[in-house]
Amino acid sequence: PPASQNNEQGSTLRDLLTTTAGKLRLGSTDAGIAFAPVYSTGTASGKSGRSMPNILDDIIASVVENKIPPNRAPKINVKSEIKDEPKDDKKCIQDDYSKRYSDIQYSWICDKHVLWLRDHKNNNNWKLFKECWKQGRPVLVSGMHKKMNFSLWKAESISLDFGNQQADILNCKDSIISNTNVKEFWDGFEDVSKRQKVKNGETALLKLKDWPSGEDFKAMMPARYEDLLKSLPLPEYCSPEGKLNLASHLPGFFVRPDLGPRLCSAYGVAATKDHDIGTTNLHIEVSDVVNILVYVGIAKGNGVLSKSGVLKKLEEEDLDDLLRKRLKDSSELPGALWHIYAGKDADKIREFLQKIAKEQGLEVLPEHDPIRDQSWYVNKKLRQRLFEEYGVKTCTVIQFLGDAIILPAGALHQV
């Protein structure tokens, strides 16, 4: 609404700034004590005989001067004043980006919600990344494996170097954790005959959970740590010392967050009968995360889906045209299936999962949070219901070898 002419104080800070500074522009001598006059009556050269100004007043008055015609009273129009407000018209945004960032190879996937940077070597990628990052959008950068020493990340290489280590291994289907020799895990990584069997004789879907992580990773795997750091996408943001990575600027007396890295390794579902389970259940990270797929193993053995079978399963997902095209590219190796949700949908998803739990006769305690507890992998049927009943659409992304998926804090995801 228009600022009241009888109320000098204004109801908001923006109200106060606009009305008071506006009066300066309109020549009022009744501006109140918030601002001293900006222009003096001296004879110094410059605009209107301006002398040394009060810098803050000068800035405010100049802004208002450009916005308020002399013959109109100042009005508060918040939308017109917020220059960087994200536009709903995605086409308009994309057209603007294509003009400003014509030197960057990029595409949009997931109904224009995810930015795909296709050339990891382009030093200007961070400029377009910044535009999407401030809107809370996930970003995919492909080709990171081309910068890495691939031999370091092979399953047999890691097994050979660290097979005698003990670590927690998670059975993804029943969430049972056992502490065992990591060589057992790596031996079965691509040879299904060497994988553990569960009681009914079915092959176990195992995950080596966050081994190693943080300082342990750097101490245990220095060569791999260095290889990873030199290969990070968008180092301005993703490097631990990146100039736009806020954590790198924290004062020394703060406890710095664990910036990783963590090695997350898991069998795929290609050798399991149940394809409705995941290796990472639906959850939220409290910090921004970059996840790089450094190796994709091809499982061999009885009961394993062939490559064409795996591609067929992936094609059954709700994919956009660009991802379907990537699947048909023989030079690309798919390795992980992601389902991503915006943080704003967390409450709806939480309510939906509690509803499903009650339908299945599960006990729902007041303090139970299905997202925090990471107790759900939302299968295809449930994803469809989530959309139909709550209007929450799933963003489906296939992560290929060398892809880095960068997620903003608060984004929900399962793998």
Protein backbone atom coordinates (compact mmCIF):
# COMPACT_ATOMS: atom_id res chain seq x y z
CA PRO A 1 0.00 0.00 0.00
CA PRO A 2 1.09 3.65 -0.42
CA ALA A 3 3.09 4.97 2.51
CA SER A 4 0.92 7.12 4.76
CA GLN A 5 1.74 10.81 4.38
CA ASN A 6 0.84 11.41 8.02
CA ASN A 7 3.01 8.61 9.40
CA GLU A 8 6.67 9.60 9.20
CA GLN A 9 7.95 6.43 10.86
CA GLY A 10 6.61 3.84 8.40
CA SER A 11 5.68 0.28 9.27
CA THR A 12 8.80 -1.39 7.91
CA LEU A 13 12.43 -0.54 7.34
CA ARG A 14 11.83 -0.47 3.60
CA ASP A 15 8.86 1.88 4.21
CA LEU A 16 11.03 4.19 6.29
CA LEU A 17 13.91 4.25 3.80
CA THR A 18 11.69 4.86 0.81
CA THR A 19 9.51 7.62 2.29
CA THR A 20 12.33 9.50 4.00
CA ALA A 21 14.85 9.30 1.17
CA GLY A 22 12.06 10.02 -1.29
CA LYS A 23 11.38 13.30 0.46
CA LEU A 24 15.02 14.22 0.01
CA ARG A 25 14.61 13.73 -3.74
CA LEU A 26 11.37 15.69 -3.80
CA GLY A 27 12.95 18.66 -2.02
CA SER A 28 11.24 18.33 1.36
CA THR A 29 12.89 20.07 4.30
CA ASP A 30 10.85 17.92 6.67
CA ALA A 31 12.74 14.67 6.25
CA GLY A 32 13.12 14.06 9.98
CA ILE A 33 16.32 13.09 11.74
CA ALA A 34 16.94 9.74 10.04
CA PHE A 35 18.94 11.31 7.20
CA ALA A 36 21.01 14.46 6.95
CA PRO A 37 20.72 16.42 3.66
CA VAL A 38 22.73 14.73 0.94
CA TYR A 39 23.60 17.70 -1.24
CA SER A 40 25.05 20.90 0.19
CA THR A 41 24.60 24.39 -1.19
CA GLY A 42 28.34 24.79 -1.62
CA THR A 43 30.11 25.60 -4.86
CA ALA A 44 32.13 22.41 -5.22
CA SER A 45 32.17 20.98 -8.71
CA GLY A 46 30.04 17.95 -9.55
CA LYS A 47 26.37 17.11 -9.66
CA SER A 48 24.26 20.02 -8.31
CA GLY A 49 27.26 21.48 -6.58
CA ARG A 50 27.63 18.39 -4.42
CA SER A 51 30.21 18.38 -1.66
CA MET A 52 31.48 15.40 0.36
CA PRO A 53 28.30 13.34 0.95
CA ASN A 54 27.20 11.09 3.72
CA ILE A 55 27.86 7.83 1.83
CA LEU A 56 24.86 5.86 3.12
CA ASP A 57 22.46 8.75 2.46
CA ASP A 58 23.98 9.26 -0.96
CA ILE A 59 23.40 5.63 -1.94
CA ILE A 60 19.82 5.56 -0.67
CA ALA A 61 18.85 8.90 -2.19
CA SER A 62 20.44 7.98 -5.53
CA VAL A 63 18.50 4.72 -5.67
CA VAL A 64 15.24 6.47 -4.83
CA GLU A 65 16.06 9.29 -7.25
CA ASN A 66 16.22 6.78 -10.10
CA LYS A 67 12.91 5.21 -9.13
CA ILE A 68 10.53 7.98 -8.10
CA PRO A 69 9.48 10.63 -10.65
CA PRO A 70 9.38 14.17 -9.13
CA ASN A 71 5.64 14.51 -9.61
CA ARG A 72 4.64 11.27 -7.85
CA ALA A 73 4.46 10.31 -4.21
CA PRO A 74 6.64 7.30 -3.30
CA LYS A 75 4.77 4.01 -3.24
CA ILE A 76 5.90 0.69 -1.86
CA ASN A 77 6.01 -1.94 -4.57
CA VAL A 78 8.12 -4.75 -3.20
CA LYS A 79 8.13 -6.91 -6.33
CA SER A 80 9.47 -4.16 -8.57
CA GLU A 81 12.27 -3.44 -6.12
CA ILE A 82 13.60 -6.98 -5.78
CA LYS A 83 15.78 -7.29 -8.84
CA ASP A 84 16.96 -10.87 -8.23
CA GLU A 85 13.58 -12.40 -7.41
CA PRO A 86 13.44 -15.83 -9.14
CA LYS A 87 10.95 -15.80 -11.99
CA ASP A 88 8.30 -18.46 -12.32
CA ASP A 89 8.60 -18.39 -16.08
CA LYS A 90 11.29 -21.05 -16.57
CA LYS A 91 11.51 -20.39 -20.30
CA CYS A 92 12.29 -16.73 -19.65
CA ILE A 93 15.03 -17.69 -17.18
CA GLN A 94 16.56 -20.21 -19.59
CA ASP A 95 16.49 -17.77 -22.50
CA ASP A 96 18.27 -15.24 -20.30
CA TYR A 97 20.88 -17.82 -19.29
CA SER A 98 21.51 -18.89 -22.88
CA LYS A 99 22.37 -15.31 -23.79
CA ARG A 100 24.56 -14.60 -20.77
CA TYR A 101 26.33 -17.98 -20.66
CA SER A 102 26.66 -18.85 -24.34
CA ASP A 103 30.22 -20.11 -23.70
CA ILE A 104 29.05 -22.83 -21.27
CA GLN A 105 27.82 -26.26 -22.39
CA TYR A 106 24.74 -27.04 -20.31
CA SER A 107 21.25 -28.53 -20.43
CA TRP A 108 18.22 -28.76 -18.15
CA ILE A 109 16.90 -32.09 -16.89
CA CYS A 110 14.09 -33.19 -14.55
CA ASP A 111 11.50 -30.78 -15.92
CA LYS A 112 14.05 -27.93 -15.79
CA HIS A 113 14.75 -28.40 -12.07
CA VAL A 114 18.32 -29.74 -12.41
CA LEU A 115 21.18 -28.00 -14.21
CA TRP A 116 23.47 -30.33 -16.17
CA LEU A 117 26.95 -28.88 -16.81
CA ARG A 118 28.31 -31.00 -19.64
CA ASP A 119 31.91 -29.77 -19.84
CA HIS A 120 33.72 -30.18 -16.53
CA LYS A 121 36.78 -28.31 -17.84
CA ASN A 122 35.01 -24.99 -18.48
CA ASN A 123 36.40 -22.45 -16.00
CA ASN A 124 33.23 -20.36 -16.23
CA ASN A 125 30.90 -23.14 -15.00
CA TRP A 126 30.77 -21.63 -11.53
CA LYS A 127 29.08 -18.47 -12.82
CA LEU A 128 26.04 -20.37 -14.10
CA PHE A 129 26.19 -22.71 -11.11
CA LYS A 130 25.87 -19.68 -8.82
CA GLU A 131 22.61 -18.64 -10.52
CA CYS A 132 21.03 -22.05 -9.90
CA TRP A 133 22.56 -22.59 -6.48
CA LYS A 134 20.92 -19.50 -5.01
CA GLN A 135 17.59 -20.95 -6.15
CA GLY A 136 18.31 -24.20 -4.27
CA ARG A 137 18.52 -26.38 -7.38
CA PRO A 138 20.61 -29.57 -7.63
CA VAL A 139 23.39 -29.54 -10.23
CA LEU A 140 24.93 -32.38 -12.25
CA VAL A 141 28.48 -32.12 -13.66
CA SER A 142 29.61 -34.90 -15.99
CA GLY A 143 33.03 -36.23 -17.00
CA MET A 144 34.88 -35.92 -13.68
CA HIS A 145 36.45 -39.39 -14.11
CA LYS A 146 38.46 -38.03 -17.06
CA LYS A 147 40.53 -36.01 -14.59
CA MET A 148 41.10 -38.91 -12.19
CA ASN A 149 43.56 -41.77 -11.97
CA PHE A 150 41.04 -44.50 -12.75
CA SER A 151 43.27 -47.36 -11.59
CA LEU A 152 43.13 -46.07 -8.00
CA TRP A 153 39.36 -46.54 -7.80
CA LYS A 154 38.96 -50.06 -9.17
CA ALA A 155 37.40 -52.51 -6.73
CA GLU A 156 40.35 -54.92 -6.91
CA SER A 157 42.79 -52.06 -6.30
CA ILE A 158 41.03 -50.97 -3.10
CA SER A 159 40.68 -54.59 -1.96
CA LEU A 160 44.37 -55.23 -2.56
CA ASP A 161 45.46 -52.15 -0.60
CA PHE A 162 42.97 -52.32 2.28
CA GLY A 163 41.48 -55.82 2.32
CA ASN A 164 42.71 -56.49 5.86
CA GLN A 165 40.77 -53.54 7.33
CA GLN A 166 37.67 -54.06 9.50
CA ALA A 167 34.55 -52.04 8.78
CA ASP A 168 30.79 -51.93 9.29
CA ILE A 169 28.86 -53.58 6.47
CA LEU A 170 25.15 -52.88 6.15
CA ASN A 171 22.63 -55.35 4.75
CA CYS A 172 20.40 -52.88 2.90
CA LYS A 173 17.28 -55.04 2.99
CA ASP A 174 16.99 -55.63 6.73
CA SER A 175 19.35 -52.90 8.01
CA ILE A 176 21.51 -55.39 9.92
CA ILE A 177 25.06 -54.11 10.45
CA SER A 178 28.00 -56.44 10.94
CA ASN A 179 31.65 -55.69 11.51
CA THR A 180 33.74 -57.72 9.11
CA ASN A 181 36.83 -57.80 6.92
CA VAL A 182 36.35 -55.46 3.95
CA LYS A 183 37.99 -57.99 1.61
CA GLU A 184 34.79 -60.05 1.78
CA PHE A 185 32.81 -57.08 0.53
CA TRP A 186 35.19 -56.27 -2.32
CA ASP A 187 35.55 -59.88 -3.42
CA GLY A 188 31.82 -59.97 -4.09
CA PHE A 189 31.65 -56.52 -5.64
CA GLU A 190 31.65 -57.87 -9.21
CA ASP A 191 31.59 -61.63 -8.60
CA VAL A 192 28.11 -62.50 -7.35
CA SER A 193 29.14 -66.07 -6.44
CA LYS A 194 31.34 -64.64 -3.67
CA ARG A 195 28.60 -62.54 -2.09
CA GLN A 196 27.01 -63.36 1.23
CA LYS A 197 23.72 -65.24 1.20
CA VAL A 198 20.79 -64.58 3.53
CA LYS A 199 18.69 -67.28 5.19
CA ASN A 200 16.49 -68.02 2.18
CA GLY A 201 19.54 -68.37 -0.04
CA GLU A 202 19.06 -64.98 -1.66
CA THR A 203 22.09 -62.84 -2.43
CA ALA A 204 22.60 -60.08 0.14
CA LEU A 205 22.59 -56.43 -0.96
CA LEU A 206 25.50 -54.99 1.01
CA LYS A 207 26.85 -51.52 1.55
CA LEU A 208 30.21 -50.51 2.99
CA LYS A 209 28.99 -47.57 5.02
CA ASP A 210 31.12 -44.41 4.96
CA TRP A 211 34.43 -46.24 5.01
CA PRO A 212 36.73 -44.47 5.34
CA SER A 213 35.54 -40.93 6.09
CA GLY A 214 36.86 -37.50 7.03
CA GLU A 215 40.37 -37.41 8.47
CA ASP A 216 40.55 -41.21 8.30
CA PHE A 217 40.17 -41.03 4.53
CA LYS A 218 43.07 -38.59 4.18
CA ALA A 219 45.31 -40.59 6.52
CA MET A 220 44.47 -44.02 5.10
CA MET A 221 44.26 -43.15 1.40
CA PRO A 222 46.51 -40.11 0.78
CA ALA A 223 46.96 -40.82 -2.96
CA ARG A 224 43.22 -41.23 -3.49
CA TYR A 225 42.50 -38.17 -1.35
CA GLU A 226 44.77 -36.01 -3.51
CA ASP A 227 43.34 -37.50 -6.70
CA LEU A 228 39.82 -36.69 -5.56
CA LEU A 229 40.60 -33.14 -4.47
CA LYS A 230 42.28 -32.22 -7.75
CA SER A 231 39.26 -33.61 -9.61
CA LEU A 232 36.46 -31.86 -7.72
CA PRO A 233 33.89 -30.07 -9.87
CA LEU A 234 33.46 -26.32 -9.40
CA PRO A 235 36.45 -26.02 -7.03
CA GLU A 236 35.41 -22.46 -6.17
CA TYR A 237 32.51 -24.02 -4.23
CA CYS A 238 33.42 -27.69 -3.70
CA SER A 239 37.06 -27.54 -2.64
CA PRO A 240 37.59 -27.48 1.16
CA GLU A 241 39.53 -24.25 0.60
CA GLY A 242 37.30 -22.89 -2.17
CA LYS A 243 36.88 -19.12 -2.15
CA LEU A 244 33.06 -19.51 -2.22
CA ASN A 245 32.95 -22.41 0.24
CA LEU A 246 31.76 -20.77 3.45
CA ALA A 247 33.26 -23.49 5.65
CA SER A 248 36.75 -22.50 4.47
CA HIS A 249 36.25 -18.99 5.92
CA LEU A 250 35.18 -19.98 9.43
CA PRO A 251 37.38 -18.52 12.19
CA GLY A 252 39.71 -20.92 13.94
CA PHE A 253 37.72 -20.96 17.19
CA PHE A 254 34.74 -22.60 15.41
CA VAL A 255 34.49 -26.36 15.21
CA ARG A 256 34.66 -26.84 11.46
CA PRO A 257 32.11 -29.20 9.94
CA ASP A 258 33.26 -32.57 8.66
CA LEU A 259 33.78 -31.83 4.99
CA GLY A 260 34.64 -35.46 4.23
CA PRO A 261 35.35 -37.04 1.93
CA ARG A 262 33.55 -40.30 2.60
CA LEU A 263 33.78 -43.41 0.45
CA CYS A 264 30.30 -44.90 -0.05
CA SER A 265 30.39 -48.29 -1.78
CA ALA A 266 27.45 -50.60 -2.42
CA TYR A 267 26.34 -53.55 -4.51
CA GLY A 268 23.70 -52.82 -7.13
CA VAL A 269 20.24 -54.38 -7.21
CA ALA A 270 20.97 -56.10 -10.54
CA ALA A 271 21.66 -59.40 -8.74
CA THR A 272 18.73 -59.21 -6.30
CA LYS A 273 15.15 -60.36 -6.79
CA ASP A 274 13.73 -57.34 -4.98
CA HIS A 275 14.32 -54.17 -7.00
CA ASP A 276 12.23 -52.07 -4.60
CA ILE A 277 15.04 -51.61 -2.10
CA GLY A 278 17.74 -48.98 -2.15
CA THR A 279 21.31 -48.76 -0.98
CA THR A 280 20.60 -45.35 0.56
CA ASN A 281 17.14 -44.75 2.00
CA LEU A 282 15.34 -41.42 1.83
CA HIS A 283 17.08 -38.85 4.03
CA ILE A 284 18.27 -35.25 4.37
CA GLU A 285 21.85 -34.01 4.65
CA VAL A 286 22.47 -31.00 6.92
CA SER A 287 25.15 -29.59 4.63
CA ASP A 288 25.64 -29.21 0.91
CA VAL A 289 27.00 -32.42 -0.64
CA VAL A 290 28.90 -33.31 -3.80
CA ASN A 291 28.74 -37.01 -4.72
CA ILE A 292 31.07 -38.26 -7.48
CA LEU A 293 30.61 -41.70 -9.01
CA VAL A 294 34.25 -42.81 -9.33
CA TYR A 295 33.71 -46.46 -10.30
CA VAL A 296 30.94 -48.69 -11.66
CA GLY A 297 31.37 -52.43 -11.28
CA ILE A 298 29.71 -54.86 -13.71
CA ALA A 299 28.31 -57.76 -11.69
CA LYS A 300 28.74 -61.23 -13.16
CA GLY A 301 27.19 -64.52 -12.12
CA ASN A 302 23.94 -66.46 -11.99
CA GLY A 303 20.73 -64.47 -11.72
CA VAL A 304 22.32 -61.16 -12.66
CA LEU A 305 20.50 -58.84 -15.04
CA SER A 306 22.30 -58.41 -18.35
CA LYS A 307 23.35 -54.95 -19.46
CA SER A 308 20.25 -54.74 -21.67
CA GLY A 309 18.15 -55.87 -18.69
CA VAL A 310 19.59 -53.13 -16.51
CA LEU A 311 18.92 -50.53 -19.20
CA LYS A 312 15.36 -51.80 -19.57
CA LYS A 313 14.76 -51.44 -15.81
CA LEU A 314 16.12 -47.88 -15.91
CA GLU A 315 13.95 -47.00 -18.90
CA GLU A 316 10.88 -47.93 -16.84
CA GLU A 317 11.66 -44.94 -14.61
CA ASP A 318 10.06 -41.53 -15.12
CA LEU A 319 12.96 -40.07 -17.09
CA ASP A 320 13.18 -37.03 -19.30
CA ASP A 321 14.31 -37.27 -22.92
CA LEU A 322 17.92 -36.23 -22.29
CA LEU A 323 18.47 -39.01 -19.73
CA ARG A 324 16.89 -41.56 -22.08
CA LYS A 325 19.27 -40.39 -24.79
CA ARG A 326 22.24 -40.80 -22.44
CA LEU A 327 21.17 -44.39 -21.71
CA LYS A 328 21.46 -45.20 -25.41
CA ASP A 329 24.99 -43.75 -25.61
CA SER A 330 27.41 -46.70 -25.54
CA SER A 331 30.21 -44.50 -24.17
CA GLU A 332 28.20 -43.78 -21.01
CA LEU A 333 28.07 -46.24 -18.08
CA PRO A 334 25.05 -45.87 -15.75
CA GLY A 335 25.74 -46.73 -12.13
CA ALA A 336 23.23 -45.21 -9.70
CA LEU A 337 19.57 -44.20 -9.71
CA TRP A 338 18.66 -41.12 -7.65
CA HIS A 339 15.29 -39.77 -6.56
CA ILE A 340 15.51 -36.18 -5.31
CA TYR A 341 12.94 -33.93 -3.63
CA ALA A 342 13.00 -30.26 -2.73
CA GLY A 343 13.38 -29.40 0.96
CA LYS A 344 10.05 -27.52 0.89
CA ASP A 345 8.27 -30.86 0.37
CA ALA A 346 9.74 -32.50 3.49
CA ASP A 347 6.62 -32.05 5.66
CA LYS A 348 4.33 -33.49 2.97
CA ILE A 349 6.63 -36.47 2.46
CA ARG A 350 6.89 -37.04 6.21
CA GLU A 351 3.09 -37.00 6.54
CA PHE A 352 2.74 -39.36 3.55
CA LEU A 353 5.20 -41.91 4.95
CA GLN A 354 3.48 -41.89 8.35
CA LYS A 355 0.19 -42.51 6.56
CA ILE A 356 1.69 -45.46 4.63
CA ALA A 357 3.17 -46.87 7.84
CA LYS A 358 -0.29 -46.86 9.47
CA GLU A 359 -1.78 -48.53 6.38
CA GLN A 360 0.83 -51.29 6.72
CA GLY A 361 0.02 -51.76 10.39
CA LEU A 362 3.33 -50.38 11.61
CA GLU A 363 3.54 -48.55 14.92
CA VAL A 364 3.95 -44.79 14.46
CA LEU A 365 5.35 -43.20 17.62
CA PRO A 366 4.96 -39.43 18.20
CA GLU A 367 8.73 -38.91 18.17
CA HIS A 368 9.21 -41.07 15.07
CA ASP A 369 10.50 -39.19 12.02
CA PRO A 370 10.67 -41.48 8.95
CA ILE A 371 13.09 -39.14 7.15
CA ARG A 372 15.48 -38.64 10.05
CA ASP A 373 15.41 -42.37 10.80
CA GLN A 374 16.15 -43.21 7.15
CA SER A 375 13.66 -46.05 7.37
CA TRP A 376 12.06 -45.78 3.92
CA TYR A 377 13.00 -46.38 0.32
CA VAL A 378 10.07 -44.91 -1.64
CA ASN A 379 9.38 -47.40 -4.44
CA LYS A 380 7.75 -46.65 -7.78
CA LYS A 381 4.21 -47.35 -6.59
CA LEU A 382 4.64 -45.08 -3.56
CA ARG A 383 6.23 -42.34 -5.67
CA GLN A 384 3.14 -42.36 -7.87
CA ARG A 385 0.85 -42.11 -4.84
CA LEU A 386 2.97 -39.30 -3.39
CA PHE A 387 2.36 -37.32 -6.57
CA GLU A 388 -1.34 -38.12 -6.87
CA GLU A 389 -2.23 -37.55 -3.20
CA TYR A 390 0.17 -34.77 -2.19
CA GLY A 391 1.24 -33.19 -5.48
CA VAL A 392 4.92 -33.97 -4.79
CA LYS A 393 6.78 -34.86 -7.97
CA THR A 394 9.92 -36.99 -7.91
CA CYS A 395 13.05 -35.71 -9.66
CA THR A 396 14.68 -38.84 -11.15
CA VAL A 397 18.36 -38.68 -12.08
CA ILE A 398 20.61 -41.43 -13.42
CA GLN A 399 24.20 -40.99 -12.27
CA PHE A 400 26.71 -42.22 -14.84
CA LEU A 401 30.39 -42.96 -14.28
CA GLY A 402 32.16 -39.66 -13.61
CA ASP A 403 29.00 -37.73 -12.79
CA ALA A 404 29.08 -35.38 -9.81
CA ILE A 405 25.69 -34.68 -8.24
CA ILE A 406 25.72 -31.54 -6.09
CA LEU A 407 22.83 -31.25 -3.65
CA PRO A 408 21.90 -28.22 -1.54
CA ALA A 409 21.45 -28.77 2.20
CA GLY A 410 17.91 -29.82 3.01
CA ALA A 411 17.24 -31.64 -0.27
CA LEU A 412 15.77 -35.10 0.29
CA HIS A 413 17.18 -37.99 -1.71
CA GLN A 414 17.46 -41.77 -1.98
CA VAL A 415 19.79 -43.88 -4.12
